[in-house]
Amino acid sequence: MDRRRFLDCAFAGAGTTGIWAALLAPAVAGVTTQRALFAALPRPKPGDWVRFVMGSGVEYQKQVGAGSEVTEHGALMYYETQVGTPGGSCNPNTMKRTYLRGSSFTSLFDRAPVLADVANSGTTLTRWSDVGGGQTQSPTDARLQLLDALYLYDERPLHVVASNGETLALPASAPYGGSENSSRGKLRSTATTHLVAEFAPPYDARHKLARIELWTSPAVPFGVAKYRAIAHGSEPFELRLYSFGTRFKTDLAMSLETIRSLTPDGTPIQTT
């Protein structure tokens, strides 16, 4: 039985919070890492989408859609993102598609290797960091970064200091309505597992985080309902689920093969 099928069956047959806490028990028992915590959560599948409101001080909205393409060499997985105003629509001119090197989707925290990046702003199509398409990658483009603040990717050991069940008002799943659709499913009380973990000192410019809180639920893509990171010298970074659902539809109906043919040297082109 695959992992997702196991989770679906398990939660259908017993209390959500109890089983979810049990799955995370190895981490709750003592020392872990952020990567391990996020890796224990379910991954999206093609067609899933989610909008988070996030930021430190100034908030913005980020939409993440999970998509795939069928090629002669197998499936290509990608995340397609857009940003916008919290609680509003997303701006299609901010569309960025990141193709993954692996054959599966990643956790929200995982800095997975990138195959290629594509952006479509208005009528301008751009391709970069496409090693398979004859381009080079900068260190910052070589790894996926769905959480936009680099300091959040702290790999130091974490000490879990608390874990408890908590009920949050989360939206119901809804079919994708497009970039400019700001509606979301009806809010409903949802059981989550709330974890609190702390980093040990010392702290420096690279290792700023002191504490994180994570609210998890198997009912949402990435398993993340809410996340808070406390850092020295910065305002807290917070992320919370705004809306999510299925039937994600890309705003760029082109495959990577087609995009490569249109941008042979990587120069941005006008598509209309």
C-alpha atoms as a PDB file:
ATOM      1  CA  MET A   1       0.000   0.000   0.000  1.00  0.00           C
ATOM      2  CA  ASP A   2       1.497   3.395  -0.949  1.00  0.00           C
ATOM      3  CA  ARG A   3       2.022   6.168   1.589  1.00  0.00           C
ATOM      4  CA  ARG A   4      -0.889   8.349   0.517  1.00  0.00           C
ATOM      5  CA  ARG A   5      -3.299   5.396   0.431  1.00  0.00           C
ATOM      6  CA  PHE A   6      -2.155   4.407   3.931  1.00  0.00           C
ATOM      7  CA  LEU A   7      -2.788   7.908   5.239  1.00  0.00           C
ATOM      8  CA  ASP A   8      -6.232   8.079   3.636  1.00  0.00           C
ATOM      9  CA  CYS A   9      -7.260   4.736   5.138  1.00  0.00           C
ATOM     10  CA  ALA A  10      -5.793   5.529   8.534  1.00  0.00           C
ATOM     11  CA  PHE A  11      -7.557   8.841   8.921  1.00  0.00           C
ATOM     12  CA  ALA A  12     -10.831   7.430   7.678  1.00  0.00           C
ATOM     13  CA  GLY A  13     -10.796   4.848  10.451  1.00  0.00           C
ATOM     14  CA  ALA A  14      -9.751   6.807  13.523  1.00  0.00           C
ATOM     15  CA  GLY A  15      -9.326  10.198  15.134  1.00  0.00           C
ATOM     16  CA  THR A  16      -7.314  12.542  12.934  1.00  0.00           C
ATOM     17  CA  THR A  17      -5.326  14.331  15.613  1.00  0.00           C
ATOM     18  CA  GLY A  18      -4.314  11.134  17.412  1.00  0.00           C
ATOM     19  CA  ILE A  19      -3.010   9.337  14.328  1.00  0.00           C
ATOM     20  CA  TRP A  20      -1.292  12.423  12.981  1.00  0.00           C
ATOM     21  CA  ALA A  21       0.505  12.865  16.297  1.00  0.00           C
ATOM     22  CA  ALA A  22       1.506   9.190  16.170  1.00  0.00           C
ATOM     23  CA  LEU A  23       3.020   9.581  12.700  1.00  0.00           C
ATOM     24  CA  LEU A  24       5.078  12.502  13.996  1.00  0.00           C
ATOM     25  CA  ALA A  25       5.985  10.696  17.240  1.00  0.00           C
ATOM     26  CA  PRO A  26       9.643  10.045  16.332  1.00  0.00           C
ATOM     27  CA  ALA A  27      10.153  13.795  15.929  1.00  0.00           C
ATOM     28  CA  VAL A  28       8.162  14.671  19.039  1.00  0.00           C
ATOM     29  CA  ALA A  29      10.265  12.272  21.089  1.00  0.00           C
ATOM     30  CA  GLY A  30      13.224  14.662  21.158  1.00  0.00           C
ATOM     31  CA  VAL A  31      15.689  16.067  18.636  1.00  0.00           C
ATOM     32  CA  THR A  32      14.776  16.464  14.965  1.00  0.00           C
ATOM     33  CA  THR A  33      15.171  18.969  12.107  1.00  0.00           C
ATOM     34  CA  GLN A  34      12.779  21.144  10.138  1.00  0.00           C
ATOM     35  CA  ARG A  35      13.466  19.005   7.071  1.00  0.00           C
ATOM     36  CA  ALA A  36      12.416  15.877   8.957  1.00  0.00           C
ATOM     37  CA  LEU A  37       9.244  17.487  10.303  1.00  0.00           C
ATOM     38  CA  PHE A  38       8.097  18.649   6.873  1.00  0.00           C
ATOM     39  CA  ALA A  39       9.155  15.362   5.254  1.00  0.00           C
ATOM     40  CA  ALA A  40       6.688  13.501   7.520  1.00  0.00           C
ATOM     41  CA  LEU A  41       3.793  15.427   5.956  1.00  0.00           C
ATOM     42  CA  PRO A  42       1.906  14.434   2.771  1.00  0.00           C
ATOM     43  CA  ARG A  43       3.111  15.730  -0.584  1.00  0.00           C
ATOM     44  CA  PRO A  44       0.855  17.325  -3.208  1.00  0.00           C
ATOM     45  CA  LYS A  45      -0.267  15.377  -6.254  1.00  0.00           C
ATOM     46  CA  PRO A  46      -0.748  16.740  -9.790  1.00  0.00           C
ATOM     47  CA  GLY A  47      -3.732  19.086  -9.865  1.00  0.00           C
ATOM     48  CA  ASP A  48      -3.471  20.196  -6.236  1.00  0.00           C
ATOM     49  CA  TRP A  49      -3.175  23.915  -5.522  1.00  0.00           C
ATOM     50  CA  VAL A  50      -2.883  26.041  -2.415  1.00  0.00           C
ATOM     51  CA  ARG A  51      -2.710  29.721  -1.490  1.00  0.00           C
ATOM     52  CA  PHE A  52      -0.757  30.830   1.544  1.00  0.00           C
ATOM     53  CA  VAL A  53      -0.633  34.255   3.157  1.00  0.00           C
ATOM     54  CA  MET A  54       2.920  34.728   4.355  1.00  0.00           C
ATOM     55  CA  GLY A  55       5.572  37.242   5.256  1.00  0.00           C
ATOM     56  CA  SER A  56       7.607  38.929   7.957  1.00  0.00           C
ATOM     57  CA  GLY A  57       6.168  42.344   8.744  1.00  0.00           C
ATOM     58  CA  VAL A  58       4.626  42.829   5.304  1.00  0.00           C
ATOM     59  CA  GLU A  59       2.338  40.012   4.180  1.00  0.00           C
ATOM     60  CA  TYR A  60       1.639  38.797   0.664  1.00  0.00           C
ATOM     61  CA  GLN A  61      -0.218  35.905  -0.901  1.00  0.00           C
ATOM     62  CA  LYS A  62       1.498  33.070  -2.732  1.00  0.00           C
ATOM     63  CA  GLN A  63      -0.243  30.462  -4.838  1.00  0.00           C
ATOM     64  CA  VAL A  64       1.444  27.110  -5.504  1.00  0.00           C
ATOM     65  CA  GLY A  65       0.025  24.738  -8.113  1.00  0.00           C
ATOM     66  CA  ALA A  66       1.337  21.211  -8.699  1.00  0.00           C
ATOM     67  CA  GLY A  67       1.505  20.072 -12.307  1.00  0.00           C
ATOM     68  CA  SER A  68       3.093  17.445 -14.521  1.00  0.00           C
ATOM     69  CA  GLU A  69       3.931  16.890 -18.182  1.00  0.00           C
ATOM     70  CA  VAL A  70       4.205  13.581 -20.006  1.00  0.00           C
ATOM     71  CA  THR A  71       7.371  13.242 -22.106  1.00  0.00           C
ATOM     72  CA  GLU A  72       9.036  10.381 -23.944  1.00  0.00           C
ATOM     73  CA  HIS A  73      11.399  10.054 -20.988  1.00  0.00           C
ATOM     74  CA  GLY A  74       8.670  10.001 -18.342  1.00  0.00           C
ATOM     75  CA  ALA A  75       6.755  12.594 -16.334  1.00  0.00           C
ATOM     76  CA  LEU A  76       8.128  16.043 -15.558  1.00  0.00           C
ATOM     77  CA  MET A  77       6.929  17.502 -12.257  1.00  0.00           C
ATOM     78  CA  TYR A  78       6.693  21.227 -11.672  1.00  0.00           C
ATOM     79  CA  TYR A  79       5.428  23.825  -9.223  1.00  0.00           C
ATOM     80  CA  GLU A  80       3.809  26.925 -10.681  1.00  0.00           C
ATOM     81  CA  THR A  81       3.629  29.983  -8.444  1.00  0.00           C
ATOM     82  CA  GLN A  82       2.005  33.407  -8.490  1.00  0.00           C
ATOM     83  CA  VAL A  83       1.806  36.160  -5.882  1.00  0.00           C
ATOM     84  CA  GLY A  84      -0.802  38.740  -4.980  1.00  0.00           C
ATOM     85  CA  THR A  85      -2.499  40.710  -2.226  1.00  0.00           C
ATOM     86  CA  PRO A  86      -3.556  38.728   0.877  1.00  0.00           C
ATOM     87  CA  GLY A  87      -7.143  37.566   0.555  1.00  0.00           C
ATOM     88  CA  GLY A  88      -7.373  38.779  -3.029  1.00  0.00           C
ATOM     89  CA  SER A  89      -6.505  37.514  -6.470  1.00  0.00           C
ATOM     90  CA  CYS A  90      -3.072  36.561  -7.755  1.00  0.00           C
ATOM     91  CA  ASN A  91      -1.281  38.481 -10.491  1.00  0.00           C
ATOM     92  CA  PRO A  92      -0.841  36.237 -13.573  1.00  0.00           C
ATOM     93  CA  ASN A  93       2.108  38.435 -14.626  1.00  0.00           C
ATOM     94  CA  THR A  94       4.070  36.987 -11.681  1.00  0.00           C
ATOM     95  CA  MET A  95       3.774  33.412 -12.960  1.00  0.00           C
ATOM     96  CA  LYS A  96       6.871  31.276 -12.435  1.00  0.00           C
ATOM     97  CA  ARG A  97       7.116  27.567 -13.213  1.00  0.00           C
ATOM     98  CA  THR A  98       9.902  25.501 -11.647  1.00  0.00           C
ATOM     99  CA  TYR A  99      10.562  22.056 -13.076  1.00  0.00           C
ATOM    100  CA  LEU A 100      11.981  19.508 -10.631  1.00  0.00           C
ATOM    101  CA  ARG A 101      14.782  17.079 -11.382  1.00  0.00           C
ATOM    102  CA  GLY A 102      13.110  14.302  -9.398  1.00  0.00           C
ATOM    103  CA  SER A 103      10.099  12.209 -10.305  1.00  0.00           C
ATOM    104  CA  SER A 104       8.019  13.205  -7.273  1.00  0.00           C
ATOM    105  CA  PHE A 105       6.844  16.345  -5.550  1.00  0.00           C
ATOM    106  CA  THR A 106       8.677  17.738  -2.548  1.00  0.00           C
ATOM    107  CA  SER A 107       7.710  19.005   0.878  1.00  0.00           C
ATOM    108  CA  LEU A 108       7.101  22.709   1.408  1.00  0.00           C
ATOM    109  CA  PHE A 109      10.522  22.959   3.067  1.00  0.00           C
ATOM    110  CA  ASP A 110      12.627  20.819   0.723  1.00  0.00           C
ATOM    111  CA  ARG A 111      15.189  22.661  -1.430  1.00  0.00           C
ATOM    112  CA  ALA A 112      15.040  20.115  -4.228  1.00  0.00           C
ATOM    113  CA  PRO A 113      17.271  20.264  -7.339  1.00  0.00           C
ATOM    114  CA  VAL A 114      15.792  22.368 -10.155  1.00  0.00           C
ATOM    115  CA  LEU A 115      15.654  21.211 -13.767  1.00  0.00           C
ATOM    116  CA  ALA A 116      14.548  24.528 -15.289  1.00  0.00           C
ATOM    117  CA  ASP A 117      12.739  27.793 -14.539  1.00  0.00           C
ATOM    118  CA  VAL A 118      10.178  29.482 -16.772  1.00  0.00           C
ATOM    119  CA  ALA A 119       8.334  32.770 -16.328  1.00  0.00           C
ATOM    120  CA  ASN A 120       5.490  34.335 -18.280  1.00  0.00           C
ATOM    121  CA  SER A 121       4.895  38.020 -17.581  1.00  0.00           C
ATOM    122  CA  GLY A 122       2.145  39.454 -19.728  1.00  0.00           C
ATOM    123  CA  THR A 123       3.315  38.490 -23.193  1.00  0.00           C
ATOM    124  CA  THR A 124       6.988  37.922 -22.319  1.00  0.00           C
ATOM    125  CA  LEU A 125       8.167  34.315 -22.022  1.00  0.00           C
ATOM    126  CA  THR A 126      11.506  33.636 -20.305  1.00  0.00           C
ATOM    127  CA  ARG A 127      13.502  30.454 -19.638  1.00  0.00           C
ATOM    128  CA  TRP A 128      16.581  30.171 -17.418  1.00  0.00           C
ATOM    129  CA  SER A 129      18.585  27.725 -15.262  1.00  0.00           C
ATOM    130  CA  ASP A 130      17.756  25.008 -17.792  1.00  0.00           C
ATOM    131  CA  VAL A 131      20.826  22.773 -17.763  1.00  0.00           C
ATOM    132  CA  GLY A 132      19.103  20.222 -19.991  1.00  0.00           C
ATOM    133  CA  GLY A 133      18.364  23.040 -22.417  1.00  0.00           C
ATOM    134  CA  GLY A 134      21.978  24.207 -22.635  1.00  0.00           C
ATOM    135  CA  GLN A 135      21.946  26.831 -19.893  1.00  0.00           C
ATOM    136  CA  THR A 136      23.877  27.250 -16.651  1.00  0.00           C
ATOM    137  CA  GLN A 137      22.502  27.605 -13.122  1.00  0.00           C
ATOM    138  CA  SER A 138      23.442  30.092 -10.443  1.00  0.00           C
ATOM    139  CA  PRO A 139      23.639  28.729  -6.872  1.00  0.00           C
ATOM    140  CA  THR A 140      20.419  30.557  -5.959  1.00  0.00           C
ATOM    141  CA  ASP A 141      18.516  29.070  -8.914  1.00  0.00           C
ATOM    142  CA  ALA A 142      19.811  25.514  -8.557  1.00  0.00           C
ATOM    143  CA  ARG A 143      17.488  24.687  -5.641  1.00  0.00           C
ATOM    144  CA  LEU A 144      13.740  25.040  -5.142  1.00  0.00           C
ATOM    145  CA  GLN A 145      12.698  27.626  -2.557  1.00  0.00           C
ATOM    146  CA  LEU A 146       8.929  27.786  -2.004  1.00  0.00           C
ATOM    147  CA  LEU A 147       9.472  29.616   1.287  1.00  0.00           C
ATOM    148  CA  ASP A 148      10.955  32.830  -0.057  1.00  0.00           C
ATOM    149  CA  ALA A 149      13.143  33.808   2.922  1.00  0.00           C
ATOM    150  CA  LEU A 150      16.446  31.939   2.774  1.00  0.00           C
ATOM    151  CA  TYR A 151      17.095  32.140   6.533  1.00  0.00           C
ATOM    152  CA  LEU A 152      14.058  29.895   7.153  1.00  0.00           C
ATOM    153  CA  TYR A 153      15.956  26.927   5.681  1.00  0.00           C
ATOM    154  CA  ASP A 154      17.834  26.297   8.887  1.00  0.00           C
ATOM    155  CA  GLU A 155      19.179  22.730   9.077  1.00  0.00           C
ATOM    156  CA  ARG A 156      20.321  22.850  12.715  1.00  0.00           C
ATOM    157  CA  PRO A 157      18.876  20.333  15.203  1.00  0.00           C
ATOM    158  CA  LEU A 158      15.528  21.204  16.753  1.00  0.00           C
ATOM    159  CA  HIS A 159      14.301  20.281  20.213  1.00  0.00           C
ATOM    160  CA  VAL A 160      10.535  19.660  20.202  1.00  0.00           C
ATOM    161  CA  VAL A 161       9.210  21.165  23.433  1.00  0.00           C
ATOM    162  CA  ALA A 162       5.435  20.786  22.963  1.00  0.00           C
ATOM    163  CA  SER A 163       2.877  18.903  20.886  1.00  0.00           C
ATOM    164  CA  ASN A 164      -0.882  19.087  21.217  1.00  0.00           C
ATOM    165  CA  GLY A 165      -4.098  18.954  19.241  1.00  0.00           C
ATOM    166  CA  GLU A 166      -5.588  22.294  18.220  1.00  0.00           C
ATOM    167  CA  THR A 167      -8.680  23.168  16.186  1.00  0.00           C
ATOM    168  CA  LEU A 168      -8.321  25.788  13.452  1.00  0.00           C
ATOM    169  CA  ALA A 169     -10.891  27.314  11.103  1.00  0.00           C
ATOM    170  CA  LEU A 170      -9.675  26.123   7.692  1.00  0.00           C
ATOM    171  CA  PRO A 171     -11.335  26.429   4.280  1.00  0.00           C
ATOM    172  CA  ALA A 172     -12.872  23.444   2.542  1.00  0.00           C
ATOM    173  CA  SER A 173     -11.294  22.156  -0.657  1.00  0.00           C
ATOM    174  CA  ALA A 174     -12.520  23.853  -3.856  1.00  0.00           C
ATOM    175  CA  PRO A 175     -11.891  23.453  -7.612  1.00  0.00           C
ATOM    176  CA  TYR A 176      -9.373  25.913  -9.023  1.00  0.00           C
ATOM    177  CA  GLY A 177     -11.054  29.100 -10.231  1.00  0.00           C
ATOM    178  CA  GLY A 178      -8.119  30.836 -11.909  1.00  0.00           C
ATOM    179  CA  SER A 179      -5.536  33.427 -10.924  1.00  0.00           C
ATOM    180  CA  GLU A 180      -7.984  36.252 -10.448  1.00  0.00           C
ATOM    181  CA  ASN A 181     -10.536  34.274  -8.439  1.00  0.00           C
ATOM    182  CA  SER A 182     -10.209  35.280  -4.769  1.00  0.00           C
ATOM    183  CA  SER A 183     -12.983  33.064  -3.375  1.00  0.00           C
ATOM    184  CA  ARG A 184     -12.316  30.131  -1.084  1.00  0.00           C
ATOM    185  CA  GLY A 185     -14.148  27.194   0.392  1.00  0.00           C
ATOM    186  CA  LYS A 186     -16.368  27.599   3.443  1.00  0.00           C
ATOM    187  CA  LEU A 187     -14.455  27.743   6.724  1.00  0.00           C
ATOM    188  CA  ARG A 188     -14.870  24.747   8.982  1.00  0.00           C
ATOM    189  CA  SER A 189     -13.362  23.564  12.240  1.00  0.00           C
ATOM    190  CA  THR A 190     -10.433  21.269  11.463  1.00  0.00           C
ATOM    191  CA  ALA A 191      -8.304  19.264  13.872  1.00  0.00           C
ATOM    192  CA  THR A 192      -4.572  19.969  13.594  1.00  0.00           C
ATOM    193  CA  THR A 193      -1.439  18.905  15.429  1.00  0.00           C
ATOM    194  CA  HIS A 194       0.471  21.870  16.851  1.00  0.00           C
ATOM    195  CA  LEU A 195       4.213  21.369  17.306  1.00  0.00           C
ATOM    196  CA  VAL A 196       6.584  23.791  19.055  1.00  0.00           C
ATOM    197  CA  ALA A 197      10.331  23.374  18.630  1.00  0.00           C
ATOM    198  CA  GLU A 198      13.404  25.391  19.586  1.00  0.00           C
ATOM    199  CA  PHE A 199      16.906  25.823  18.185  1.00  0.00           C
ATOM    200  CA  ALA A 200      19.885  25.826  20.507  1.00  0.00           C
ATOM    201  CA  PRO A 201      22.254  28.835  20.505  1.00  0.00           C
ATOM    202  CA  PRO A 202      24.561  30.289  19.328  1.00  0.00           C
ATOM    203  CA  TYR A 203      22.886  32.451  16.696  1.00  0.00           C
ATOM    204  CA  ASP A 204      24.530  34.339  13.841  1.00  0.00           C
ATOM    205  CA  ALA A 205      23.654  36.010  10.535  1.00  0.00           C
ATOM    206  CA  ARG A 206      23.129  32.635   8.876  1.00  0.00           C
ATOM    207  CA  HIS A 207      21.414  30.931  11.803  1.00  0.00           C
ATOM    208  CA  LYS A 208      18.831  33.410  13.054  1.00  0.00           C
ATOM    209  CA  LEU A 209      15.973  31.120  14.016  1.00  0.00           C
ATOM    210  CA  ALA A 210      15.247  30.558  17.696  1.00  0.00           C
ATOM    211  CA  ARG A 211      11.854  28.830  17.605  1.00  0.00           C
ATOM    212  CA  ILE A 212       9.268  27.479  15.175  1.00  0.00           C
ATOM    213  CA  GLU A 213       5.621  26.471  15.476  1.00  0.00           C
ATOM    214  CA  LEU A 214       3.928  24.178  12.973  1.00  0.00           C
ATOM    215  CA  TRP A 215       0.232  23.332  12.662  1.00  0.00           C
ATOM    216  CA  THR A 216      -0.274  20.234  10.518  1.00  0.00           C
ATOM    217  CA  SER A 217      -3.266  18.560   8.912  1.00  0.00           C
ATOM    218  CA  PRO A 218      -3.463  15.713   6.355  1.00  0.00           C
ATOM    219  CA  ALA A 219      -6.485  17.425   4.801  1.00  0.00           C
ATOM    220  CA  VAL A 220      -4.465  20.096   2.962  1.00  0.00           C
ATOM    221  CA  PRO A 221      -1.667  20.057   0.339  1.00  0.00           C
ATOM    222  CA  PHE A 222       1.808  19.875   1.921  1.00  0.00           C
ATOM    223  CA  GLY A 223       0.071  19.056   5.238  1.00  0.00           C
ATOM    224  CA  VAL A 224       0.723  22.603   6.498  1.00  0.00           C
ATOM    225  CA  ALA A 225      -2.111  24.717   7.906  1.00  0.00           C
ATOM    226  CA  LYS A 226       0.071  27.288   9.639  1.00  0.00           C
ATOM    227  CA  TYR A 227       3.740  27.983  10.341  1.00  0.00           C
ATOM    228  CA  ARG A 228       5.520  30.561  12.465  1.00  0.00           C
ATOM    229  CA  ALA A 229       9.268  31.162  12.762  1.00  0.00           C
ATOM    230  CA  ILE A 230      10.808  33.390  15.439  1.00  0.00           C
ATOM    231  CA  ALA A 231      14.180  34.852  14.430  1.00  0.00           C
ATOM    232  CA  HIS A 232      16.690  37.039  16.225  1.00  0.00           C
ATOM    233  CA  GLY A 233      16.769  40.552  14.787  1.00  0.00           C
ATOM    234  CA  SER A 234      13.687  40.110  12.596  1.00  0.00           C
ATOM    235  CA  GLU A 235       9.943  40.191  12.918  1.00  0.00           C
ATOM    236  CA  PRO A 236       8.337  36.735  13.082  1.00  0.00           C
ATOM    237  CA  PHE A 237       7.735  35.044   9.753  1.00  0.00           C
ATOM    238  CA  GLU A 238       4.216  33.657   9.528  1.00  0.00           C
ATOM    239  CA  LEU A 239       2.489  31.497   6.941  1.00  0.00           C
ATOM    240  CA  ARG A 240      -1.161  30.456   7.032  1.00  0.00           C
ATOM    241  CA  LEU A 241      -3.408  28.576   4.666  1.00  0.00           C
ATOM    242  CA  TYR A 242      -5.908  30.794   2.841  1.00  0.00           C
ATOM    243  CA  SER A 243      -7.441  28.440   0.275  1.00  0.00           C
ATOM    244  CA  PHE A 244      -6.710  25.154  -1.479  1.00  0.00           C
ATOM    245  CA  GLY A 245      -8.228  22.552  -3.737  1.00  0.00           C
ATOM    246  CA  THR A 246      -7.960  20.456  -6.863  1.00  0.00           C
ATOM    247  CA  ARG A 247      -8.173  20.750 -10.680  1.00  0.00           C
ATOM    248  CA  PHE A 248      -5.315  23.226 -10.917  1.00  0.00           C
ATOM    249  CA  LYS A 249      -4.959  24.655 -14.414  1.00  0.00           C
ATOM    250  CA  THR A 250      -1.749  26.241 -15.609  1.00  0.00           C
ATOM    251  CA  ASP A 251      -1.722  29.770 -17.003  1.00  0.00           C
ATOM    252  CA  LEU A 252       0.879  28.709 -19.584  1.00  0.00           C
ATOM    253  CA  ALA A 253      -0.346  25.964 -21.907  1.00  0.00           C
ATOM    254  CA  MET A 254       3.106  25.059 -23.195  1.00  0.00           C
ATOM    255  CA  SER A 255       5.402  22.155 -22.445  1.00  0.00           C
ATOM    256  CA  LEU A 256       9.080  22.598 -21.573  1.00  0.00           C
ATOM    257  CA  GLU A 257       9.963  21.152 -24.984  1.00  0.00           C
ATOM    258  CA  THR A 258       7.863  23.830 -26.709  1.00  0.00           C
ATOM    259  CA  ILE A 259       9.292  26.590 -24.518  1.00  0.00           C
ATOM    260  CA  ARG A 260      12.829  25.453 -25.353  1.00  0.00           C
ATOM    261  CA  SER A 261      12.048  25.594 -29.058  1.00  0.00           C
ATOM    262  CA  LEU A 262      10.688  29.142 -28.705  1.00  0.00           C
ATOM    263  CA  THR A 263      13.636  30.353 -26.611  1.00  0.00           C
ATOM    264  CA  PRO A 264      16.660  28.537 -28.113  1.00  0.00           C
ATOM    265  CA  ASP A 265      19.207  30.897 -26.555  1.00  0.00           C
ATOM    266  CA  GLY A 266      17.148  31.806 -23.480  1.00  0.00           C
ATOM    267  CA  THR A 267      16.351  35.302 -24.706  1.00  0.00           C
ATOM    268  CA  PRO A 268      12.894  36.470 -23.561  1.00  0.00           C
ATOM    269  CA  ILE A 269      10.396  36.552 -26.406  1.00  0.00           C
ATOM    270  CA  GLN A 270       7.029  38.157 -27.008  1.00  0.00           C
ATOM    271  CA  THR A 271       4.345  35.484 -27.257  1.00  0.00           C
ATOM    272  CA  THR A 272       1.693  37.721 -28.866  1.00  0.00           C
END
